[in-house]
mmCIF file of all heavy atoms, coordinates in Angstrom:
data_MODEL
# 
_entry.id   MODEL 
# 
loop_
_atom_site.group_PDB 
_atom_site.id 
_atom_site.type_symbol 
_atom_site.label_atom_id 
_atom_site.label_alt_id 
_atom_site.label_comp_id 
_atom_site.label_asym_id 
_atom_site.label_entity_id 
_atom_site.label_seq_id 
_atom_site.pdbx_PDB_ins_code 
_atom_site.Cartn_x 
_atom_site.Cartn_y 
_atom_site.Cartn_z 
_atom_site.occupancy 
_atom_site.B_iso_or_equiv 
_atom_site.pdbx_formal_charge 
_atom_site.auth_seq_id 
_atom_site.auth_comp_id 
_atom_site.auth_asym_id 
_atom_site.auth_atom_id 
_atom_site.pdbx_PDB_model_num 
ATOM 1   N N   . LEU A 1 1  ? 63.390 70.794 87.826 1.00 0.00 ? 1  LEU A N   1 
ATOM 2   C CA  . LEU A 1 1  ? 64.663 71.304 87.301 1.00 0.00 ? 1  LEU A CA  1 
ATOM 3   C C   . LEU A 1 1  ? 65.797 70.319 87.576 1.00 0.00 ? 1  LEU A C   1 
ATOM 4   O O   . LEU A 1 1  ? 66.610 70.021 86.693 1.00 0.00 ? 1  LEU A O   1 
ATOM 5   C CB  . LEU A 1 1  ? 64.994 72.659 87.944 1.00 0.00 ? 1  LEU A CB  1 
ATOM 6   C CG  . LEU A 1 1  ? 64.172 73.858 87.495 1.00 0.00 ? 1  LEU A CG  1 
ATOM 7   C CD1 . LEU A 1 1  ? 64.502 75.075 88.337 1.00 0.00 ? 1  LEU A CD1 1 
ATOM 8   C CD2 . LEU A 1 1  ? 64.408 74.158 86.018 1.00 0.00 ? 1  LEU A CD2 1 
ATOM 9   N N   . VAL A 1 2  ? 65.826 69.804 88.803 1.00 0.00 ? 2  VAL A N   1 
ATOM 10  C CA  . VAL A 1 2  ? 66.863 68.839 89.181 1.00 0.00 ? 2  VAL A CA  1 
ATOM 11  C C   . VAL A 1 2  ? 66.753 67.573 88.330 1.00 0.00 ? 2  VAL A C   1 
ATOM 12  O O   . VAL A 1 2  ? 67.759 67.046 87.837 1.00 0.00 ? 2  VAL A O   1 
ATOM 13  C CB  . VAL A 1 2  ? 66.744 68.484 90.677 1.00 0.00 ? 2  VAL A CB  1 
ATOM 14  C CG1 . VAL A 1 2  ? 67.608 67.275 91.015 1.00 0.00 ? 2  VAL A CG1 1 
ATOM 15  C CG2 . VAL A 1 2  ? 67.150 69.676 91.532 1.00 0.00 ? 2  VAL A CG2 1 
ATOM 16  N N   . GLY A 1 3  ? 65.529 67.090 88.137 1.00 0.00 ? 3  GLY A N   1 
ATOM 17  C CA  . GLY A 1 3  ? 65.323 65.885 87.342 1.00 0.00 ? 3  GLY A CA  1 
ATOM 18  C C   . GLY A 1 3  ? 65.751 66.066 85.902 1.00 0.00 ? 3  GLY A C   1 
ATOM 19  O O   . GLY A 1 3  ? 66.355 65.163 85.292 1.00 0.00 ? 3  GLY A O   1 
ATOM 20  N N   . ILE A 1 4  ? 65.451 67.228 85.338 1.00 0.00 ? 4  ILE A N   1 
ATOM 21  C CA  . ILE A 1 4  ? 65.848 67.525 83.962 1.00 0.00 ? 4  ILE A CA  1 
ATOM 22  C C   . ILE A 1 4  ? 67.372 67.508 83.832 1.00 0.00 ? 4  ILE A C   1 
ATOM 23  O O   . ILE A 1 4  ? 67.929 66.909 82.902 1.00 0.00 ? 4  ILE A O   1 
ATOM 24  C CB  . ILE A 1 4  ? 65.289 68.902 83.534 1.00 0.00 ? 4  ILE A CB  1 
ATOM 25  C CG1 . ILE A 1 4  ? 63.774 68.816 83.347 1.00 0.00 ? 4  ILE A CG1 1 
ATOM 26  C CG2 . ILE A 1 4  ? 65.959 69.375 82.240 1.00 0.00 ? 4  ILE A CG2 1 
ATOM 27  C CD1 . ILE A 1 4  ? 63.105 70.176 83.208 1.00 0.00 ? 4  ILE A CD1 1 
ATOM 28  N N   . ILE A 1 5  ? 68.037 68.172 84.752 1.00 0.00 ? 5  ILE A N   1 
ATOM 29  C CA  . ILE A 1 5  ? 69.499 68.239 84.708 1.00 0.00 ? 5  ILE A CA  1 
ATOM 30  C C   . ILE A 1 5  ? 70.109 66.858 84.896 1.00 0.00 ? 5  ILE A C   1 
ATOM 31  O O   . ILE A 1 5  ? 71.051 66.479 84.188 1.00 0.00 ? 5  ILE A O   1 
ATOM 32  C CB  . ILE A 1 5  ? 70.022 69.211 85.793 1.00 0.00 ? 5  ILE A CB  1 
ATOM 33  C CG1 . ILE A 1 5  ? 69.566 70.639 85.473 1.00 0.00 ? 5  ILE A CG1 1 
ATOM 34  C CG2 . ILE A 1 5  ? 71.542 69.146 85.900 1.00 0.00 ? 5  ILE A CG2 1 
ATOM 35  C CD1 . ILE A 1 5  ? 69.799 71.626 86.596 1.00 0.00 ? 5  ILE A CD1 1 
ATOM 36  N N   . ARG A 1 6  ? 69.553 66.091 85.818 1.00 0.00 ? 6  ARG A N   1 
ATOM 37  C CA  . ARG A 1 6  ? 70.088 64.769 86.107 1.00 0.00 ? 6  ARG A CA  1 
ATOM 38  C C   . ARG A 1 6  ? 69.955 63.839 84.894 1.00 0.00 ? 6  ARG A C   1 
ATOM 39  O O   . ARG A 1 6  ? 70.895 63.144 84.524 1.00 0.00 ? 6  ARG A O   1 
ATOM 40  C CB  . ARG A 1 6  ? 69.390 64.180 87.329 1.00 0.00 ? 6  ARG A CB  1 
ATOM 41  C CG  . ARG A 1 6  ? 69.974 62.847 87.787 1.00 0.00 ? 6  ARG A CG  1 
ATOM 42  C CD  . ARG A 1 6  ? 69.346 62.407 89.085 1.00 0.00 ? 6  ARG A CD  1 
ATOM 43  N NE  . ARG A 1 6  ? 69.848 63.172 90.218 1.00 0.00 ? 6  ARG A NE  1 
ATOM 44  C CZ  . ARG A 1 6  ? 69.102 63.672 91.185 1.00 0.00 ? 6  ARG A CZ  1 
ATOM 45  N NH1 . ARG A 1 6  ? 67.801 63.513 91.174 1.00 0.00 ? 6  ARG A NH1 1 
ATOM 46  N NH2 . ARG A 1 6  ? 69.654 64.345 92.185 1.00 0.00 ? 6  ARG A NH2 1 
ATOM 47  N N   . ILE A 1 7  ? 68.790 63.828 84.269 1.00 0.00 ? 7  ILE A N   1 
ATOM 48  C CA  . ILE A 1 7  ? 68.580 62.927 83.134 1.00 0.00 ? 7  ILE A CA  1 
ATOM 49  C C   . ILE A 1 7  ? 69.377 63.388 81.914 1.00 0.00 ? 7  ILE A C   1 
ATOM 50  O O   . ILE A 1 7  ? 69.828 62.567 81.112 1.00 0.00 ? 7  ILE A O   1 
ATOM 51  C CB  . ILE A 1 7  ? 67.076 62.808 82.799 1.00 0.00 ? 7  ILE A CB  1 
ATOM 52  C CG1 . ILE A 1 7  ? 66.837 61.527 81.988 1.00 0.00 ? 7  ILE A CG1 1 
ATOM 53  C CG2 . ILE A 1 7  ? 66.568 64.024 82.037 1.00 0.00 ? 7  ILE A CG2 1 
ATOM 54  C CD1 . ILE A 1 7  ? 65.378 61.173 81.824 1.00 0.00 ? 7  ILE A CD1 1 
ATOM 55  N N   . ALA A 1 8  ? 69.579 64.691 81.786 1.00 0.00 ? 8  ALA A N   1 
ATOM 56  C CA  . ALA A 1 8  ? 70.388 65.197 80.678 1.00 0.00 ? 8  ALA A CA  1 
ATOM 57  C C   . ALA A 1 8  ? 71.828 64.724 80.798 1.00 0.00 ? 8  ALA A C   1 
ATOM 58  O O   . ALA A 1 8  ? 72.510 64.484 79.789 1.00 0.00 ? 8  ALA A O   1 
ATOM 59  C CB  . ALA A 1 8  ? 70.343 66.717 80.643 1.00 0.00 ? 8  ALA A CB  1 
ATOM 60  N N   . CYS A 1 9  ? 72.293 64.576 82.030 1.00 0.00 ? 9  CYS A N   1 
ATOM 61  C CA  . CYS A 1 9  ? 73.651 64.092 82.283 1.00 0.00 ? 9  CYS A CA  1 
ATOM 62  C C   . CYS A 1 9  ? 73.740 62.578 82.122 1.00 0.00 ? 9  CYS A C   1 
ATOM 63  O O   . CYS A 1 9  ? 74.631 62.065 81.445 1.00 0.00 ? 9  CYS A O   1 
ATOM 64  C CB  . CYS A 1 9  ? 74.085 64.511 83.683 1.00 0.00 ? 9  CYS A CB  1 
ATOM 65  S SG  . CYS A 1 9  ? 75.734 63.947 84.141 1.00 0.00 ? 9  CYS A SG  1 
ATOM 66  N N   . GLN A 1 10 ? 72.791 61.877 82.711 1.00 0.00 ? 10 GLN A N   1 
ATOM 67  C CA  . GLN A 1 10 ? 72.835 60.415 82.717 1.00 0.00 ? 10 GLN A CA  1 
ATOM 68  C C   . GLN A 1 10 ? 72.506 59.809 81.358 1.00 0.00 ? 10 GLN A C   1 
ATOM 69  O O   . GLN A 1 10 ? 72.987 58.730 81.026 1.00 0.00 ? 10 GLN A O   1 
ATOM 70  C CB  . GLN A 1 10 ? 71.871 59.879 83.777 1.00 0.00 ? 10 GLN A CB  1 
ATOM 71  C CG  . GLN A 1 10 ? 72.257 60.249 85.210 1.00 0.00 ? 10 GLN A CG  1 
ATOM 72  C CD  . GLN A 1 10 ? 71.216 59.830 86.228 1.00 0.00 ? 10 GLN A CD  1 
ATOM 73  O OE1 . GLN A 1 10 ? 70.103 59.447 85.884 1.00 0.00 ? 10 GLN A OE1 1 
ATOM 74  N NE2 . GLN A 1 10 ? 71.572 59.899 87.513 1.00 0.00 ? 10 GLN A NE2 1 
ATOM 75  N N   . LYS A 1 11 ? 71.675 60.480 80.574 1.00 0.00 ? 11 LYS A N   1 
ATOM 76  C CA  . LYS A 1 11 ? 71.214 59.943 79.291 1.00 0.00 ? 11 LYS A CA  1 
ATOM 77  C C   . LYS A 1 11 ? 71.735 60.754 78.102 1.00 0.00 ? 11 LYS A C   1 
ATOM 78  O O   . LYS A 1 11 ? 71.114 60.808 77.050 1.00 0.00 ? 11 LYS A O   1 
ATOM 79  C CB  . LYS A 1 11 ? 69.683 59.927 79.263 1.00 0.00 ? 11 LYS A CB  1 
ATOM 80  C CG  . LYS A 1 11 ? 69.031 59.088 80.351 1.00 0.00 ? 11 LYS A CG  1 
ATOM 81  C CD  . LYS A 1 11 ? 69.286 57.604 80.139 1.00 0.00 ? 11 LYS A CD  1 
ATOM 82  C CE  . LYS A 1 11 ? 68.542 56.766 81.167 1.00 0.00 ? 11 LYS A CE  1 
ATOM 83  N NZ  . LYS A 1 11 ? 68.757 55.308 80.955 1.00 0.00 ? 11 LYS A NZ  1 
ATOM 84  N N   . GLN A 1 12 ? 72.898 61.347 78.270 1.00 0.00 ? 12 GLN A N   1 
ATOM 85  C CA  . GLN A 1 12 ? 73.424 62.220 77.228 1.00 0.00 ? 12 GLN A CA  1 
ATOM 86  C C   . GLN A 1 12 ? 73.597 61.502 75.889 1.00 0.00 ? 12 GLN A C   1 
ATOM 87  O O   . GLN A 1 12 ? 73.238 62.026 74.833 1.00 0.00 ? 12 GLN A O   1 
ATOM 88  C CB  . GLN A 1 12 ? 74.761 62.818 77.679 1.00 0.00 ? 12 GLN A CB  1 
ATOM 89  C CG  . GLN A 1 12 ? 75.339 63.823 76.688 1.00 0.00 ? 12 GLN A CG  1 
ATOM 90  C CD  . GLN A 1 12 ? 76.577 64.510 77.240 1.00 0.00 ? 12 GLN A CD  1 
ATOM 91  O OE1 . GLN A 1 12 ? 76.956 64.290 78.383 1.00 0.00 ? 12 GLN A OE1 1 
ATOM 92  N NE2 . GLN A 1 12 ? 77.187 65.358 76.429 1.00 0.00 ? 12 GLN A NE2 1 
ATOM 93  N N   . MET A 1 13 ? 74.131 60.282 75.920 1.00 0.00 ? 13 MET A N   1 
ATOM 94  C CA  . MET A 1 13 ? 74.353 59.529 74.683 1.00 0.00 ? 13 MET A CA  1 
ATOM 95  C C   . MET A 1 13 ? 73.028 59.213 73.986 1.00 0.00 ? 13 MET A C   1 
ATOM 96  O O   . MET A 1 13 ? 72.896 59.337 72.767 1.00 0.00 ? 13 MET A O   1 
ATOM 97  C CB  . MET A 1 13 ? 75.110 58.234 74.979 1.00 0.00 ? 13 MET A CB  1 
ATOM 98  C CG  . MET A 1 13 ? 75.511 57.457 73.737 1.00 0.00 ? 13 MET A CG  1 
ATOM 99  S SD  . MET A 1 13 ? 76.483 55.982 74.121 1.00 0.00 ? 13 MET A SD  1 
ATOM 100 C CE  . MET A 1 13 ? 77.946 56.738 74.850 1.00 0.00 ? 13 MET A CE  1 
ATOM 101 N N   . TYR A 1 14 ? 72.022 58.815 74.773 1.00 0.00 ? 14 TYR A N   1 
ATOM 102 C CA  . TYR A 1 14 ? 70.712 58.498 74.209 1.00 0.00 ? 14 TYR A CA  1 
ATOM 103 C C   . TYR A 1 14 ? 70.079 59.746 73.600 1.00 0.00 ? 14 TYR A C   1 
ATOM 104 O O   . TYR A 1 14 ? 69.488 59.689 72.505 1.00 0.00 ? 14 TYR A O   1 
ATOM 105 C CB  . TYR A 1 14 ? 69.796 57.928 75.285 1.00 0.00 ? 14 TYR A CB  1 
ATOM 106 C CG  . TYR A 1 14 ? 68.393 57.651 74.790 1.00 0.00 ? 14 TYR A CG  1 
ATOM 107 C CD1 . TYR A 1 14 ? 68.101 56.486 74.087 1.00 0.00 ? 14 TYR A CD1 1 
ATOM 108 C CD2 . TYR A 1 14 ? 67.363 58.566 75.021 1.00 0.00 ? 14 TYR A CD2 1 
ATOM 109 C CE1 . TYR A 1 14 ? 66.820 56.239 73.617 1.00 0.00 ? 14 TYR A CE1 1 
ATOM 110 C CE2 . TYR A 1 14 ? 66.077 58.327 74.557 1.00 0.00 ? 14 TYR A CE2 1 
ATOM 111 C CZ  . TYR A 1 14 ? 65.819 57.161 73.856 1.00 0.00 ? 14 TYR A CZ  1 
ATOM 112 O OH  . TYR A 1 14 ? 64.550 56.925 73.390 1.00 0.00 ? 14 TYR A OH  1 
ATOM 113 N N   . ILE A 1 15 ? 70.192 60.861 74.293 1.00 0.00 ? 15 ILE A N   1 
ATOM 114 C CA  . ILE A 1 15 ? 69.619 62.117 73.806 1.00 0.00 ? 15 ILE A CA  1 
ATOM 115 C C   . ILE A 1 15 ? 70.232 62.492 72.465 1.00 0.00 ? 15 ILE A C   1 
ATOM 116 O O   . ILE A 1 15 ? 69.540 62.916 71.534 1.00 0.00 ? 15 ILE A O   1 
ATOM 117 C CB  . ILE A 1 15 ? 69.838 63.240 74.840 1.00 0.00 ? 15 ILE A CB  1 
ATOM 118 C CG1 . ILE A 1 15 ? 68.962 62.988 76.075 1.00 0.00 ? 15 ILE A CG1 1 
ATOM 119 C CG2 . ILE A 1 15 ? 69.541 64.609 74.241 1.00 0.00 ? 15 ILE A CG2 1 
ATOM 120 C CD1 . ILE A 1 15 ? 69.301 63.881 77.254 1.00 0.00 ? 15 ILE A CD1 1 
ATOM 121 N N   . THR A 1 16 ? 71.529 62.302 72.349 1.00 0.00 ? 16 THR A N   1 
ATOM 122 C CA  . THR A 1 16 ? 72.230 62.639 71.108 1.00 0.00 ? 16 THR A CA  1 
ATOM 123 C C   . THR A 1 16 ? 71.814 61.709 69.973 1.00 0.00 ? 16 THR A C   1 
ATOM 124 O O   . THR A 1 16 ? 71.508 62.162 68.860 1.00 0.00 ? 16 THR A O   1 
ATOM 125 C CB  . THR A 1 16 ? 73.750 62.553 71.310 1.00 0.00 ? 16 THR A CB  1 
ATOM 126 O OG1 . THR A 1 16 ? 74.136 63.453 72.347 1.00 0.00 ? 16 THR A OG1 1 
ATOM 127 C CG2 . THR A 1 16 ? 74.483 62.906 70.028 1.00 0.00 ? 16 THR A CG2 1 
ATOM 128 N N   . LYS A 1 17 ? 71.782 60.409 70.234 1.00 0.00 ? 17 LYS A N   1 
ATOM 129 C CA  . LYS A 1 17 ? 71.493 59.427 69.183 1.00 0.00 ? 17 LYS A CA  1 
ATOM 130 C C   . LYS A 1 17 ? 70.013 59.350 68.826 1.00 0.00 ? 17 LYS A C   1 
ATOM 131 O O   . LYS A 1 17 ? 69.643 59.325 67.653 1.00 0.00 ? 17 LYS A O   1 
ATOM 132 C CB  . LYS A 1 17 ? 71.992 58.046 69.611 1.00 0.00 ? 17 LYS A CB  1 
ATOM 133 C CG  . LYS A 1 17 ? 73.502 57.929 69.649 1.00 0.00 ? 17 LYS A CG  1 
ATOM 134 C CD  . LYS A 1 17 ? 73.938 56.497 69.957 1.00 0.00 ? 17 LYS A CD  1 
ATOM 135 C CE  . LYS A 1 17 ? 75.451 56.359 69.896 1.00 0.00 ? 17 LYS A CE  1 
ATOM 136 N NZ  . LYS A 1 17 ? 75.891 54.969 70.186 1.00 0.00 ? 17 LYS A NZ  1 
ATOM 137 N N   . ALA A 1 18 ? 69.162 59.283 69.826 1.00 0.00 ? 18 ALA A N   1 
ATOM 138 C CA  . ALA A 1 18 ? 67.733 59.087 69.577 1.00 0.00 ? 18 ALA A CA  1 
ATOM 139 C C   . ALA A 1 18 ? 67.005 60.377 69.214 1.00 0.00 ? 18 ALA A C   1 
ATOM 140 O O   . ALA A 1 18 ? 66.046 60.358 68.430 1.00 0.00 ? 18 ALA A O   1 
ATOM 141 C CB  . ALA A 1 18 ? 67.077 58.452 70.800 1.00 0.00 ? 18 ALA A CB  1 
ATOM 142 N N   . MET A 1 19 ? 67.441 61.498 69.767 1.00 0.00 ? 19 MET A N   1 
ATOM 143 C CA  . MET A 1 19 ? 66.741 62.763 69.553 1.00 0.00 ? 19 MET A CA  1 
ATOM 144 C C   . MET A 1 19 ? 67.484 63.709 68.624 1.00 0.00 ? 19 MET A C   1 
ATOM 145 O O   . MET A 1 19 ? 66.944 64.745 68.228 1.00 0.00 ? 19 MET A O   1 
ATOM 146 C CB  . MET A 1 19 ? 66.503 63.460 70.901 1.00 0.00 ? 19 MET A CB  1 
ATOM 147 C CG  . MET A 1 19 ? 65.779 62.621 71.920 1.00 0.00 ? 19 MET A CG  1 
ATOM 148 S SD  . MET A 1 19 ? 65.622 63.518 73.503 1.00 0.00 ? 19 MET A SD  1 
ATOM 149 C CE  . MET A 1 19 ? 65.150 62.172 74.595 1.00 0.00 ? 19 MET A CE  1 
ATOM 150 N N   . ASP A 1 20 ? 68.730 63.376 68.331 1.00 0.00 ? 20 ASP A N   1 
ATOM 151 C CA  . ASP A 1 20 ? 69.582 64.237 67.523 1.00 0.00 ? 20 ASP A CA  1 
ATOM 152 C C   . ASP A 1 20 ? 69.675 65.637 68.137 1.00 0.00 ? 20 ASP A C   1 
ATOM 153 O O   . ASP A 1 20 ? 69.605 66.654 67.442 1.00 0.00 ? 20 ASP A O   1 
ATOM 154 C CB  . ASP A 1 20 ? 69.063 64.328 66.079 1.00 0.00 ? 20 ASP A CB  1 
ATOM 155 C CG  . ASP A 1 20 ? 70.103 64.929 65.134 1.00 0.00 ? 20 ASP A CG  1 
ATOM 156 O OD1 . ASP A 1 20 ? 71.315 64.804 65.433 1.00 0.00 ? 20 ASP A OD1 1 
ATOM 157 O OD2 . ASP A 1 20 ? 69.709 65.537 64.111 1.00 0.00 ? 20 ASP A OD2 1 
ATOM 158 N N   . LEU A 1 21 ? 69.814 65.648 69.468 1.00 0.00 ? 21 LEU A N   1 
ATOM 159 C CA  . LEU A 1 21 ? 69.935 66.901 70.188 1.00 0.00 ? 21 LEU A CA  1 
ATOM 160 C C   . LEU A 1 21 ? 71.221 66.904 71.009 1.00 0.00 ? 21 LEU A C   1 
ATOM 161 O O   . LEU A 1 21 ? 71.629 65.868 71.524 1.00 0.00 ? 21 LEU A O   1 
ATOM 162 C CB  . LEU A 1 21 ? 68.750 67.096 71.148 1.00 0.00 ? 21 LEU A CB  1 
ATOM 163 C CG  . LEU A 1 21 ? 67.369 67.335 70.550 1.00 0.00 ? 21 LEU A CG  1 
ATOM 164 C CD1 . LEU A 1 21 ? 66.333 67.343 71.671 1.00 0.00 ? 21 LEU A CD1 1 
ATOM 165 C CD2 . LEU A 1 21 ? 67.320 68.648 69.783 1.00 0.00 ? 21 LEU A CD2 1 
ATOM 166 N N   . THR A 1 22 ? 71.822 68.072 71.140 1.00 0.00 ? 22 THR A N   1 
ATOM 167 C CA  . THR A 1 22 ? 72.929 68.199 72.075 1.00 0.00 ? 22 THR A CA  1 
ATOM 168 C C   . THR A 1 22 ? 72.344 68.260 73.486 1.00 0.00 ? 22 THR A C   1 
ATOM 169 O O   . THR A 1 22 ? 71.136 68.489 73.664 1.00 0.00 ? 22 THR A O   1 
ATOM 170 C CB  . THR A 1 22 ? 73.740 69.481 71.817 1.00 0.00 ? 22 THR A CB  1 
ATOM 171 O OG1 . THR A 1 22 ? 72.890 70.614 72.045 1.00 0.00 ? 22 THR A OG1 1 
ATOM 172 C CG2 . THR A 1 22 ? 74.266 69.514 70.386 1.00 0.00 ? 22 THR A CG2 1 
ATOM 173 N N   . GLN A 1 23 ? 73.193 68.064 74.458 1.00 0.00 ? 23 GLN A N   1 
ATOM 174 C CA  . GLN A 1 23 ? 72.721 68.161 75.832 1.00 0.00 ? 23 GLN A CA  1 
ATOM 175 C C   . GLN A 1 23 ? 72.140 69.551 76.104 1.00 0.00 ? 23 GLN A C   1 
ATOM 176 O O   . GLN A 1 23 ? 71.093 69.687 76.749 1.00 0.00 ? 23 GLN A O   1 
ATOM 177 C CB  . GLN A 1 23 ? 73.868 67.870 76.801 1.00 0.00 ? 23 GLN A CB  1 
ATOM 178 C CG  . GLN A 1 23 ? 73.435 67.827 78.260 1.00 0.00 ? 23 GLN A CG  1 
ATOM 179 C CD  . GLN A 1 23 ? 74.601 67.668 79.207 1.00 0.00 ? 23 GLN A CD  1 
ATOM 180 O OE1 . GLN A 1 23 ? 75.454 68.557 79.304 1.00 0.00 ? 23 GLN A OE1 1 
ATOM 181 N NE2 . GLN A 1 23 ? 74.674 66.542 79.895 1.00 0.00 ? 23 GLN A NE2 1 
ATOM 182 N N   . LYS A 1 24 ? 72.814 70.587 75.608 1.00 0.00 ? 24 LYS A N   1 
ATOM 183 C CA  . LYS A 1 24 ? 72.349 71.958 75.815 1.00 0.00 ? 24 LYS A CA  1 
ATOM 184 C C   . LYS A 1 24 ? 70.982 72.180 75.166 1.00 0.00 ? 24 LYS A C   1 
ATOM 185 O O   . LYS A 1 24 ? 70.097 72.814 75.760 1.00 0.00 ? 24 LYS A O   1 
ATOM 186 C CB  . LYS A 1 24 ? 73.350 72.960 75.256 1.00 0.00 ? 24 LYS A CB  1 
ATOM 187 C CG  . LYS A 1 24 ? 72.953 74.417 75.503 1.00 0.00 ? 24 LYS A CG  1 
ATOM 188 C CD  . LYS A 1 24 ? 73.977 75.383 74.938 1.00 0.00 ? 24 LYS A CD  1 
ATOM 189 C CE  . LYS A 1 24 ? 73.596 76.830 75.263 1.00 0.00 ? 24 LYS A CE  1 
ATOM 190 N NZ  . LYS A 1 24 ? 72.215 77.179 74.838 1.00 0.00 ? 24 LYS A NZ  1 
# 
């Protein structure tokens, strides 16, 4: 759970651009 939250914060821009997903 901690790792998921941490990477969602640190890689937010990548998640948005590469996955077309919001952080939520």
